[in-house]
Amino acid sequence: MSTLTQYGDFECPYCGNASSEVRELRRRLGDRLAFEFRHFPIEGRHPHAFQAAEAAEAARAQGRFEEMHDLLFENQKKLERDDVVGYARQLGLDVERFERELDEHTHEPKIRADQEEALERGVAGTPTFFVNGKPYEGFYDAESLAEVLG
């Protein structure tokens, strides 16, 4: 099994482009690929990115991270609070719990830990990929990634 780690920002247009490629890659490789998404919201440039990361983690807490991940990237221009709560409702999440976790910033420590890890690994922008723990600097289309992942 190969591991693809992505440091990303839900409001980053380049991450948005990469998300469809990663989705295709995940479809192609199935259980031969372990995909890890790590948060690296660029808060100074993307004002909704941190809240979107919190929404993704609140969805993870209810077992729906992948679906929320995809919805956030598909709707990058709609990341206001009402929007993400609507996505939670659309996914059938416990919306009261979801909103409480957003209000209390329950998942902030995990997001901050991802950011710190990214900086320690030399991540300077998004998307940044690691293949089996090593920095990947090639194209991030499904074909190129599949080639490197085997």
N, C-alpha and C. Protein backbone atom coordinates (compact mmCIF):
# COMPACT_ATOMS: atom_id res chain seq x y z
N MET A 1 0.85 -1.18 0.00
CA MET A 1 0.00 0.00 0.00
C MET A 1 0.89 1.24 0.00
N SER A 2 0.47 2.23 -0.76
CA SER A 2 1.17 3.51 -0.82
C SER A 2 0.38 4.57 -0.06
N THR A 3 1.10 5.57 0.43
CA THR A 3 0.45 6.65 1.18
C THR A 3 0.69 7.97 0.48
N LEU A 4 -0.39 8.69 0.26
CA LEU A 4 -0.34 10.04 -0.29
C LEU A 4 -0.85 10.98 0.79
N THR A 5 0.01 11.91 1.19
CA THR A 5 -0.37 12.91 2.18
C THR A 5 -0.46 14.25 1.48
N GLN A 6 -1.56 14.95 1.70
CA GLN A 6 -1.73 16.28 1.12
C GLN A 6 -1.92 17.28 2.24
N TYR A 7 -1.15 18.36 2.17
CA TYR A 7 -1.39 19.52 3.02
C TYR A 7 -2.20 20.47 2.17
N GLY A 8 -3.39 20.83 2.66
CA GLY A 8 -4.27 21.63 1.83
C GLY A 8 -5.07 22.65 2.60
N ASP A 9 -5.73 23.49 1.83
CA ASP A 9 -6.52 24.62 2.30
C ASP A 9 -7.80 24.60 1.47
N PHE A 10 -8.95 24.51 2.13
CA PHE A 10 -10.21 24.36 1.41
C PHE A 10 -10.58 25.56 0.56
N GLU A 11 -9.95 26.70 0.78
CA GLU A 11 -10.27 27.89 -0.01
C GLU A 11 -9.25 28.14 -1.11
N CYS A 12 -8.20 27.35 -1.17
CA CYS A 12 -7.13 27.50 -2.16
C CYS A 12 -7.60 26.95 -3.52
N PRO A 13 -7.59 27.78 -4.56
CA PRO A 13 -8.04 27.29 -5.87
C PRO A 13 -7.18 26.16 -6.43
N TYR A 14 -5.89 26.16 -6.12
CA TYR A 14 -5.02 25.09 -6.59
C TYR A 14 -5.36 23.77 -5.90
N CYS A 15 -5.71 23.85 -4.62
CA CYS A 15 -6.16 22.66 -3.91
C CYS A 15 -7.49 22.17 -4.48
N GLY A 16 -8.33 23.12 -4.88
CA GLY A 16 -9.60 22.75 -5.50
C GLY A 16 -9.37 21.96 -6.78
N ASN A 17 -8.42 22.41 -7.59
CA ASN A 17 -8.09 21.68 -8.82
C ASN A 17 -7.51 20.31 -8.49
N ALA A 18 -6.64 20.27 -7.48
CA ALA A 18 -6.01 19.01 -7.10
C ALA A 18 -7.03 18.01 -6.55
N SER A 19 -8.08 18.51 -5.90
CA SER A 19 -9.03 17.60 -5.23
C SER A 19 -9.70 16.66 -6.22
N SER A 20 -10.03 17.15 -7.42
CA SER A 20 -10.66 16.26 -8.40
C SER A 20 -9.66 15.21 -8.89
N GLU A 21 -8.40 15.59 -8.99
CA GLU A 21 -7.36 14.65 -9.41
C GLU A 21 -7.14 13.58 -8.34
N VAL A 22 -7.11 14.02 -7.07
CA VAL A 22 -6.93 13.08 -5.96
C VAL A 22 -8.14 12.14 -5.88
N ARG A 23 -9.33 12.68 -6.09
CA ARG A 23 -10.53 11.83 -6.07
C ARG A 23 -10.42 10.74 -7.14
N GLU A 24 -9.98 11.12 -8.34
CA GLU A 24 -9.80 10.16 -9.43
C GLU A 24 -8.74 9.13 -9.05
N LEU A 25 -7.66 9.58 -8.46
CA LEU A 25 -6.59 8.69 -8.04
C LEU A 25 -7.10 7.70 -6.99
N ARG A 26 -7.86 8.19 -6.03
CA ARG A 26 -8.42 7.32 -4.99
C ARG A 26 -9.37 6.29 -5.61
N ARG A 27 -10.13 6.71 -6.60
CA ARG A 27 -11.04 5.79 -7.29
C ARG A 27 -10.23 4.70 -8.00
N ARG A 28 -9.18 5.11 -8.68
CA ARG A 28 -8.35 4.16 -9.44
C ARG A 28 -7.62 3.16 -8.56
N LEU A 29 -7.00 3.65 -7.50
CA LEU A 29 -6.15 2.79 -6.68
C LEU A 29 -6.89 2.09 -5.55
N GLY A 30 -8.06 2.61 -5.20
CA GLY A 30 -8.88 1.95 -4.17
C GLY A 30 -8.12 1.70 -2.89
N ASP A 31 -8.20 0.47 -2.40
CA ASP A 31 -7.58 0.16 -1.11
C ASP A 31 -6.06 -0.02 -1.19
N ARG A 32 -5.48 0.19 -2.36
CA ARG A 32 -4.01 0.19 -2.48
C ARG A 32 -3.42 1.54 -2.11
N LEU A 33 -4.32 2.53 -1.83
CA LEU A 33 -3.86 3.88 -1.50
C LEU A 33 -4.42 4.31 -0.15
N ALA A 34 -3.53 4.77 0.70
CA ALA A 34 -3.94 5.43 1.94
C ALA A 34 -3.78 6.93 1.68
N PHE A 35 -4.89 7.66 1.76
CA PHE A 35 -4.85 9.10 1.53
C PHE A 35 -5.04 9.81 2.85
N GLU A 36 -4.12 10.73 3.14
CA GLU A 36 -4.17 11.51 4.37
C GLU A 36 -4.25 12.98 4.00
N PHE A 37 -5.32 13.63 4.40
CA PHE A 37 -5.44 15.07 4.19
C PHE A 37 -5.08 15.76 5.48
N ARG A 38 -4.13 16.69 5.40
CA ARG A 38 -3.70 17.46 6.56
C ARG A 38 -4.03 18.93 6.28
N HIS A 39 -4.41 19.61 7.32
CA HIS A 39 -4.85 21.00 7.18
C HIS A 39 -3.68 21.97 7.20
N PHE A 40 -3.70 22.88 6.23
CA PHE A 40 -2.74 23.98 6.18
C PHE A 40 -3.46 25.22 5.67
N PRO A 41 -4.47 25.68 6.43
CA PRO A 41 -5.22 26.86 5.98
C PRO A 41 -4.32 28.10 5.98
N ILE A 42 -4.35 28.81 4.89
CA ILE A 42 -3.56 30.04 4.76
C ILE A 42 -4.50 31.18 5.14
N GLU A 43 -4.56 31.43 6.43
CA GLU A 43 -5.57 32.32 6.99
C GLU A 43 -5.47 33.76 6.51
N GLY A 44 -4.28 34.25 6.27
CA GLY A 44 -4.12 35.62 5.81
C GLY A 44 -4.68 35.85 4.42
N ARG A 45 -4.69 34.83 3.62
CA ARG A 45 -5.15 34.94 2.24
C ARG A 45 -6.56 34.36 2.04
N HIS A 46 -6.91 33.39 2.85
CA HIS A 46 -8.19 32.69 2.70
C HIS A 46 -8.97 32.77 4.00
N PRO A 47 -9.84 33.77 4.13
CA PRO A 47 -10.52 34.02 5.40
C PRO A 47 -11.49 32.93 5.87
N HIS A 48 -11.91 32.06 4.98
CA HIS A 48 -12.86 31.00 5.36
C HIS A 48 -12.19 29.64 5.54
N ALA A 49 -10.90 29.58 5.27
CA ALA A 49 -10.20 28.30 5.23
C ALA A 49 -10.17 27.60 6.59
N PHE A 50 -9.95 28.36 7.66
CA PHE A 50 -9.86 27.72 8.96
C PHE A 50 -11.21 27.16 9.38
N GLN A 51 -12.27 27.93 9.18
CA GLN A 51 -13.61 27.44 9.52
C GLN A 51 -13.96 26.21 8.68
N ALA A 52 -13.54 26.21 7.42
CA ALA A 52 -13.80 25.05 6.57
C ALA A 52 -13.06 23.82 7.11
N ALA A 53 -11.84 24.03 7.59
CA ALA A 53 -11.08 22.92 8.19
C ALA A 53 -11.80 22.41 9.44
N GLU A 54 -12.32 23.33 10.24
CA GLU A 54 -13.08 22.92 11.43
C GLU A 54 -14.33 22.14 11.03
N ALA A 55 -14.98 22.57 9.96
CA ALA A 55 -16.17 21.86 9.48
C ALA A 55 -15.81 20.44 9.03
N ALA A 56 -14.68 20.31 8.34
CA ALA A 56 -14.24 18.99 7.88
C ALA A 56 -13.97 18.08 9.07
N GLU A 57 -13.34 18.63 10.10
CA GLU A 57 -13.04 17.81 11.28
C GLU A 57 -14.30 17.49 12.09
N ALA A 58 -15.24 18.42 12.13
CA ALA A 58 -16.51 18.13 12.81
C ALA A 58 -17.25 17.01 12.06
N ALA A 59 -17.13 16.99 10.74
CA ALA A 59 -17.72 15.91 9.96
C ALA A 59 -16.96 14.60 10.21
N ARG A 60 -15.63 14.68 10.33
CA ARG A 60 -14.84 13.47 10.62
C ARG A 60 -15.30 12.85 11.94
N ALA A 61 -15.59 13.70 12.92
CA ALA A 61 -16.03 13.21 14.23
C ALA A 61 -17.33 12.42 14.12
N GLN A 62 -18.05 12.62 13.02
CA GLN A 62 -19.30 11.89 12.79
C GLN A 62 -19.16 10.88 11.65
N GLY A 63 -17.90 10.61 11.27
CA GLY A 63 -17.63 9.58 10.27
C GLY A 63 -17.88 9.99 8.83
N ARG A 64 -17.88 11.30 8.55
CA ARG A 64 -18.20 11.75 7.19
C ARG A 64 -17.16 12.73 6.63
N PHE A 65 -15.91 12.55 7.00
CA PHE A 65 -14.87 13.47 6.54
C PHE A 65 -14.76 13.52 5.02
N GLU A 66 -14.67 12.38 4.38
CA GLU A 66 -14.45 12.36 2.93
C GLU A 66 -15.55 13.10 2.19
N GLU A 67 -16.79 12.88 2.61
CA GLU A 67 -17.90 13.54 1.93
C GLU A 67 -17.86 15.05 2.14
N MET A 68 -17.54 15.48 3.38
CA MET A 68 -17.44 16.91 3.65
C MET A 68 -16.25 17.50 2.90
N HIS A 69 -15.14 16.81 2.89
CA HIS A 69 -13.94 17.23 2.14
C HIS A 69 -14.33 17.54 0.69
N ASP A 70 -15.03 16.61 0.07
CA ASP A 70 -15.42 16.78 -1.33
C ASP A 70 -16.39 17.95 -1.50
N LEU A 71 -17.37 18.07 -0.60
CA LEU A 71 -18.34 19.18 -0.70
C LEU A 71 -17.66 20.54 -0.54
N LEU A 72 -16.73 20.62 0.39
CA LEU A 72 -16.04 21.90 0.61
C LEU A 72 -15.25 22.30 -0.63
N PHE A 73 -14.57 21.35 -1.24
CA PHE A 73 -13.81 21.69 -2.45
C PHE A 73 -14.73 21.96 -3.64
N GLU A 74 -15.84 21.28 -3.73
CA GLU A 74 -16.78 21.53 -4.82
C GLU A 74 -17.45 22.89 -4.70
N ASN A 75 -17.47 23.44 -3.49
CA ASN A 75 -18.17 24.70 -3.22
C ASN A 75 -17.24 25.73 -2.59
N GLN A 76 -16.04 25.85 -3.14
CA GLN A 76 -15.03 26.72 -2.54
C GLN A 76 -15.44 28.18 -2.39
N LYS A 77 -16.35 28.62 -3.18
CA LYS A 77 -16.79 30.02 -3.11
C LYS A 77 -17.95 30.20 -2.11
N LYS A 78 -18.36 29.09 -1.51
CA LYS A 78 -19.48 29.12 -0.56
C LYS A 78 -19.04 28.44 0.73
N LEU A 79 -18.26 29.17 1.54
CA LEU A 79 -17.71 28.61 2.77
C LEU A 79 -18.07 29.43 4.00
N GLU A 80 -19.15 30.20 3.89
CA GLU A 80 -19.64 30.93 5.07
C GLU A 80 -20.22 29.92 6.06
N ARG A 81 -20.44 30.36 7.25
CA ARG A 81 -20.99 29.47 8.29
C ARG A 81 -22.28 28.79 7.84
N ASP A 82 -23.22 29.57 7.32
CA ASP A 82 -24.50 28.99 6.88
C ASP A 82 -24.28 27.93 5.80
N ASP A 83 -23.28 28.16 4.96
CA ASP A 83 -22.99 27.20 3.89
C ASP A 83 -22.52 25.87 4.47
N VAL A 84 -21.52 25.92 5.37
CA VAL A 84 -20.98 24.67 5.91
C VAL A 84 -22.01 23.93 6.77
N VAL A 85 -22.85 24.69 7.46
CA VAL A 85 -23.92 24.05 8.24
C VAL A 85 -24.89 23.37 7.27
N GLY A 86 -25.15 24.01 6.14
CA GLY A 86 -26.00 23.39 5.11
C GLY A 86 -25.40 22.10 4.57
N TYR A 87 -24.07 22.06 4.42
CA TYR A 87 -23.43 20.83 3.95
C TYR A 87 -23.57 19.74 5.01
N ALA A 88 -23.44 20.12 6.28
CA ALA A 88 -23.62 19.15 7.37
C ALA A 88 -25.04 18.57 7.32
N ARG A 89 -26.00 19.43 7.10
CA ARG A 89 -27.40 19.00 7.01
C ARG A 89 -27.56 18.07 5.80
N GLN A 90 -26.98 18.46 4.68
CA GLN A 90 -27.05 17.66 3.45
C GLN A 90 -26.47 16.26 3.65
N LEU A 91 -25.42 16.16 4.48
CA LEU A 91 -24.78 14.87 4.74
C LEU A 91 -25.48 14.07 5.83
N GLY A 92 -26.51 14.66 6.42
CA GLY A 92 -27.26 13.96 7.45
C GLY A 92 -26.54 13.91 8.79
N LEU A 93 -25.66 14.87 9.03
CA LEU A 93 -24.94 14.92 10.30
C LEU A 93 -25.86 15.41 11.41
N ASP A 94 -25.44 15.19 12.64
CA ASP A 94 -26.09 15.77 13.79
C ASP A 94 -25.70 17.25 13.77
N VAL A 95 -26.58 18.09 13.24
CA VAL A 95 -26.26 19.49 13.00
C VAL A 95 -26.05 20.25 14.30
N GLU A 96 -26.80 19.91 15.32
CA GLU A 96 -26.62 20.58 16.62
C GLU A 96 -25.20 20.33 17.15
N ARG A 97 -24.76 19.11 17.08
CA ARG A 97 -23.39 18.77 17.51
C ARG A 97 -22.36 19.47 16.63
N PHE A 98 -22.60 19.44 15.32
CA PHE A 98 -21.70 20.07 14.35
C PHE A 98 -21.52 21.55 14.68
N GLU A 99 -22.62 22.25 14.89
CA GLU A 99 -22.55 23.69 15.20
C GLU A 99 -21.88 23.94 16.54
N ARG A 100 -22.17 23.10 17.50
CA ARG A 100 -21.53 23.26 18.82
C ARG A 100 -20.01 23.11 18.68
N GLU A 101 -19.57 22.13 17.90
CA GLU A 101 -18.13 21.93 17.71
C GLU A 101 -17.49 23.10 16.98
N LEU A 102 -18.22 23.70 16.04
CA LEU A 102 -17.70 24.90 15.38
C LEU A 102 -17.60 26.05 16.39
N ASP A 103 -18.67 26.26 17.16
CA ASP A 103 -18.70 27.36 18.13
C ASP A 103 -17.61 27.22 19.18
N GLU A 104 -17.36 26.00 19.63
CA GLU A 104 -16.39 25.76 20.69
C GLU A 104 -14.97 25.53 20.16
N HIS A 105 -14.83 25.54 18.84
CA HIS A 105 -13.52 25.31 18.19
C HIS A 105 -12.89 24.01 18.69
N THR A 106 -13.73 23.00 18.79
CA THR A 106 -13.33 21.69 19.30
C THR A 106 -12.14 21.11 18.55
N HIS A 107 -12.08 21.34 17.26
CA HIS A 107 -11.06 20.69 16.42
C HIS A 107 -9.87 21.59 16.10
N GLU A 108 -9.84 22.78 16.71
CA GLU A 108 -8.71 23.68 16.46
C GLU A 108 -7.37 23.05 16.81
N PRO A 109 -7.23 22.33 17.94
CA PRO A 109 -5.92 21.74 18.25
C PRO A 109 -5.40 20.81 17.15
N LYS A 110 -6.28 20.02 16.55
CA LYS A 110 -5.85 19.11 15.49
C LYS A 110 -5.39 19.90 14.26
N ILE A 111 -6.11 20.95 13.92
CA ILE A 111 -5.76 21.76 12.76
C ILE A 111 -4.43 22.47 13.01
N ARG A 112 -4.26 23.03 14.20
CA ARG A 112 -2.99 23.69 14.55
C ARG A 112 -1.83 22.69 14.54
N ALA A 113 -2.09 21.48 15.00
CA ALA A 113 -1.04 20.45 14.97
C ALA A 113 -0.65 20.11 13.53
N ASP A 114 -1.64 20.04 12.64
CA ASP A 114 -1.34 19.81 11.22
C ASP A 114 -0.50 20.95 10.66
N GLN A 115 -0.84 22.18 11.01
CA GLN A 115 -0.08 23.34 10.53
C GLN A 115 1.37 23.28 11.03
N GLU A 116 1.53 22.96 12.30
CA GLU A 116 2.89 22.88 12.87
C GLU A 116 3.69 21.77 12.18
N GLU A 117 3.06 20.62 11.99
CA GLU A 117 3.73 19.52 11.31
C GLU A 117 4.14 19.93 9.91
N ALA A 118 3.25 20.64 9.21
CA ALA A 118 3.55 21.10 7.85
C ALA A 118 4.78 21.99 7.84
N LEU A 119 4.83 22.93 8.75
CA LEU A 119 5.98 23.84 8.82
C LEU A 119 7.27 23.08 9.12
N GLU A 120 7.18 22.12 10.01
CA GLU A 120 8.35 21.29 10.33
C GLU A 120 8.83 20.51 9.13
N ARG A 121 7.90 20.15 8.25
CA ARG A 121 8.25 19.37 7.05
C ARG A 121 8.60 20.27 5.86
N GLY A 122 8.61 21.59 6.08
CA GLY A 122 9.01 22.51 5.03
C GLY A 122 7.91 22.94 4.08
N VAL A 123 6.67 22.70 4.45
CA VAL A 123 5.55 23.10 3.59
C VAL A 123 5.44 24.63 3.61
N ALA A 124 5.39 25.21 2.42
CA ALA A 124 5.30 26.67 2.31
C ALA A 124 4.01 27.12 1.64
N GLY A 125 3.33 26.23 0.96
CA GLY A 125 2.10 26.60 0.25
C GLY A 125 1.26 25.36 0.02
N THR A 126 0.12 25.60 -0.62
CA THR A 126 -0.80 24.49 -0.88
C THR A 126 -1.15 24.43 -2.36
N PRO A 127 -1.42 23.24 -2.87
CA PRO A 127 -1.29 21.96 -2.19
C PRO A 127 0.17 21.51 -2.17
N THR A 128 0.53 20.80 -1.13
CA THR A 128 1.84 20.16 -1.03
C THR A 128 1.59 18.69 -0.75
N PHE A 129 2.27 17.85 -1.50
CA PHE A 129 2.08 16.40 -1.39
C PHE A 129 3.35 15.71 -0.90
N PHE A 130 3.13 14.61 -0.18
CA PHE A 130 4.20 13.70 0.21
C PHE A 130 3.76 12.32 -0.23
N VAL A 131 4.68 11.58 -0.84
CA VAL A 131 4.41 10.22 -1.27
C VAL A 131 5.25 9.30 -0.40
N ASN A 132 4.58 8.46 0.34
CA ASN A 132 5.25 7.54 1.26
C ASN A 132 6.24 8.28 2.15
N GLY A 133 5.82 9.46 2.63
CA GLY A 133 6.62 10.23 3.56
C GLY A 133 7.66 11.14 2.96
N LYS A 134 7.84 11.08 1.64
CA LYS A 134 8.86 11.90 0.98
C LYS A 134 8.19 13.01 0.18
N PRO A 135 8.80 14.21 0.18
CA PRO A 135 8.21 15.32 -0.58
C PRO A 135 8.05 14.94 -2.06
N TYR A 136 6.92 15.33 -2.61
CA TYR A 136 6.64 15.09 -4.03
C TYR A 136 6.55 16.43 -4.71
N GLU A 137 7.35 16.61 -5.76
CA GLU A 137 7.39 17.91 -6.43
C GLU A 137 6.94 17.86 -7.88
N GLY A 138 6.35 16.75 -8.31
CA GLY A 138 5.89 16.63 -9.68
C GLY A 138 4.50 17.22 -9.87
N PHE A 139 3.95 16.94 -11.03
CA PHE A 139 2.59 17.38 -11.32
C PHE A 139 1.62 16.63 -10.42
N TYR A 140 0.52 17.29 -10.07
CA TYR A 140 -0.44 16.62 -9.19
C TYR A 140 -1.71 16.22 -9.92
N ASP A 141 -1.56 15.77 -11.16
CA ASP A 141 -2.68 15.17 -11.86
C ASP A 141 -2.71 13.68 -11.52
N ALA A 142 -3.85 13.07 -11.68
CA ALA A 142 -4.02 11.67 -11.28
C ALA A 142 -3.02 10.75 -11.95
N GLU A 143 -2.75 10.98 -13.21
CA GLU A 143 -1.82 10.13 -13.97
C GLU A 143 -0.41 10.18 -13.40
N SER A 144 0.09 11.39 -13.15
CA SER A 144 1.45 11.54 -12.61
C SER A 144 1.55 10.96 -11.20
N LEU A 145 0.56 11.22 -10.39
CA LEU A 145 0.57 10.69 -9.03
C LEU A 145 0.48 9.16 -9.04
N ALA A 146 -0.36 8.61 -9.89
CA ALA A 146 -0.51 7.14 -9.98
C ALA A 146 0.81 6.50 -10.37
N GLU A 147 1.54 7.15 -11.28
CA GLU A 147 2.83 6.63 -11.73
C GLU A 147 3.82 6.52 -10.57
N VAL A 148 3.87 7.57 -9.77
CA VAL A 148 4.81 7.61 -8.64
C VAL A 148 4.37 6.68 -7.51
N LEU A 149 3.07 6.53 -7.33
CA LEU A 149 2.56 5.70 -6.25
C LEU A 149 2.60 4.21 -6.58
N GLY A 150 2.75 3.92 -7.87
CA GLY A 150 2.85 2.52 -8.29
C GLY A 150 1.56 1.91 -8.44
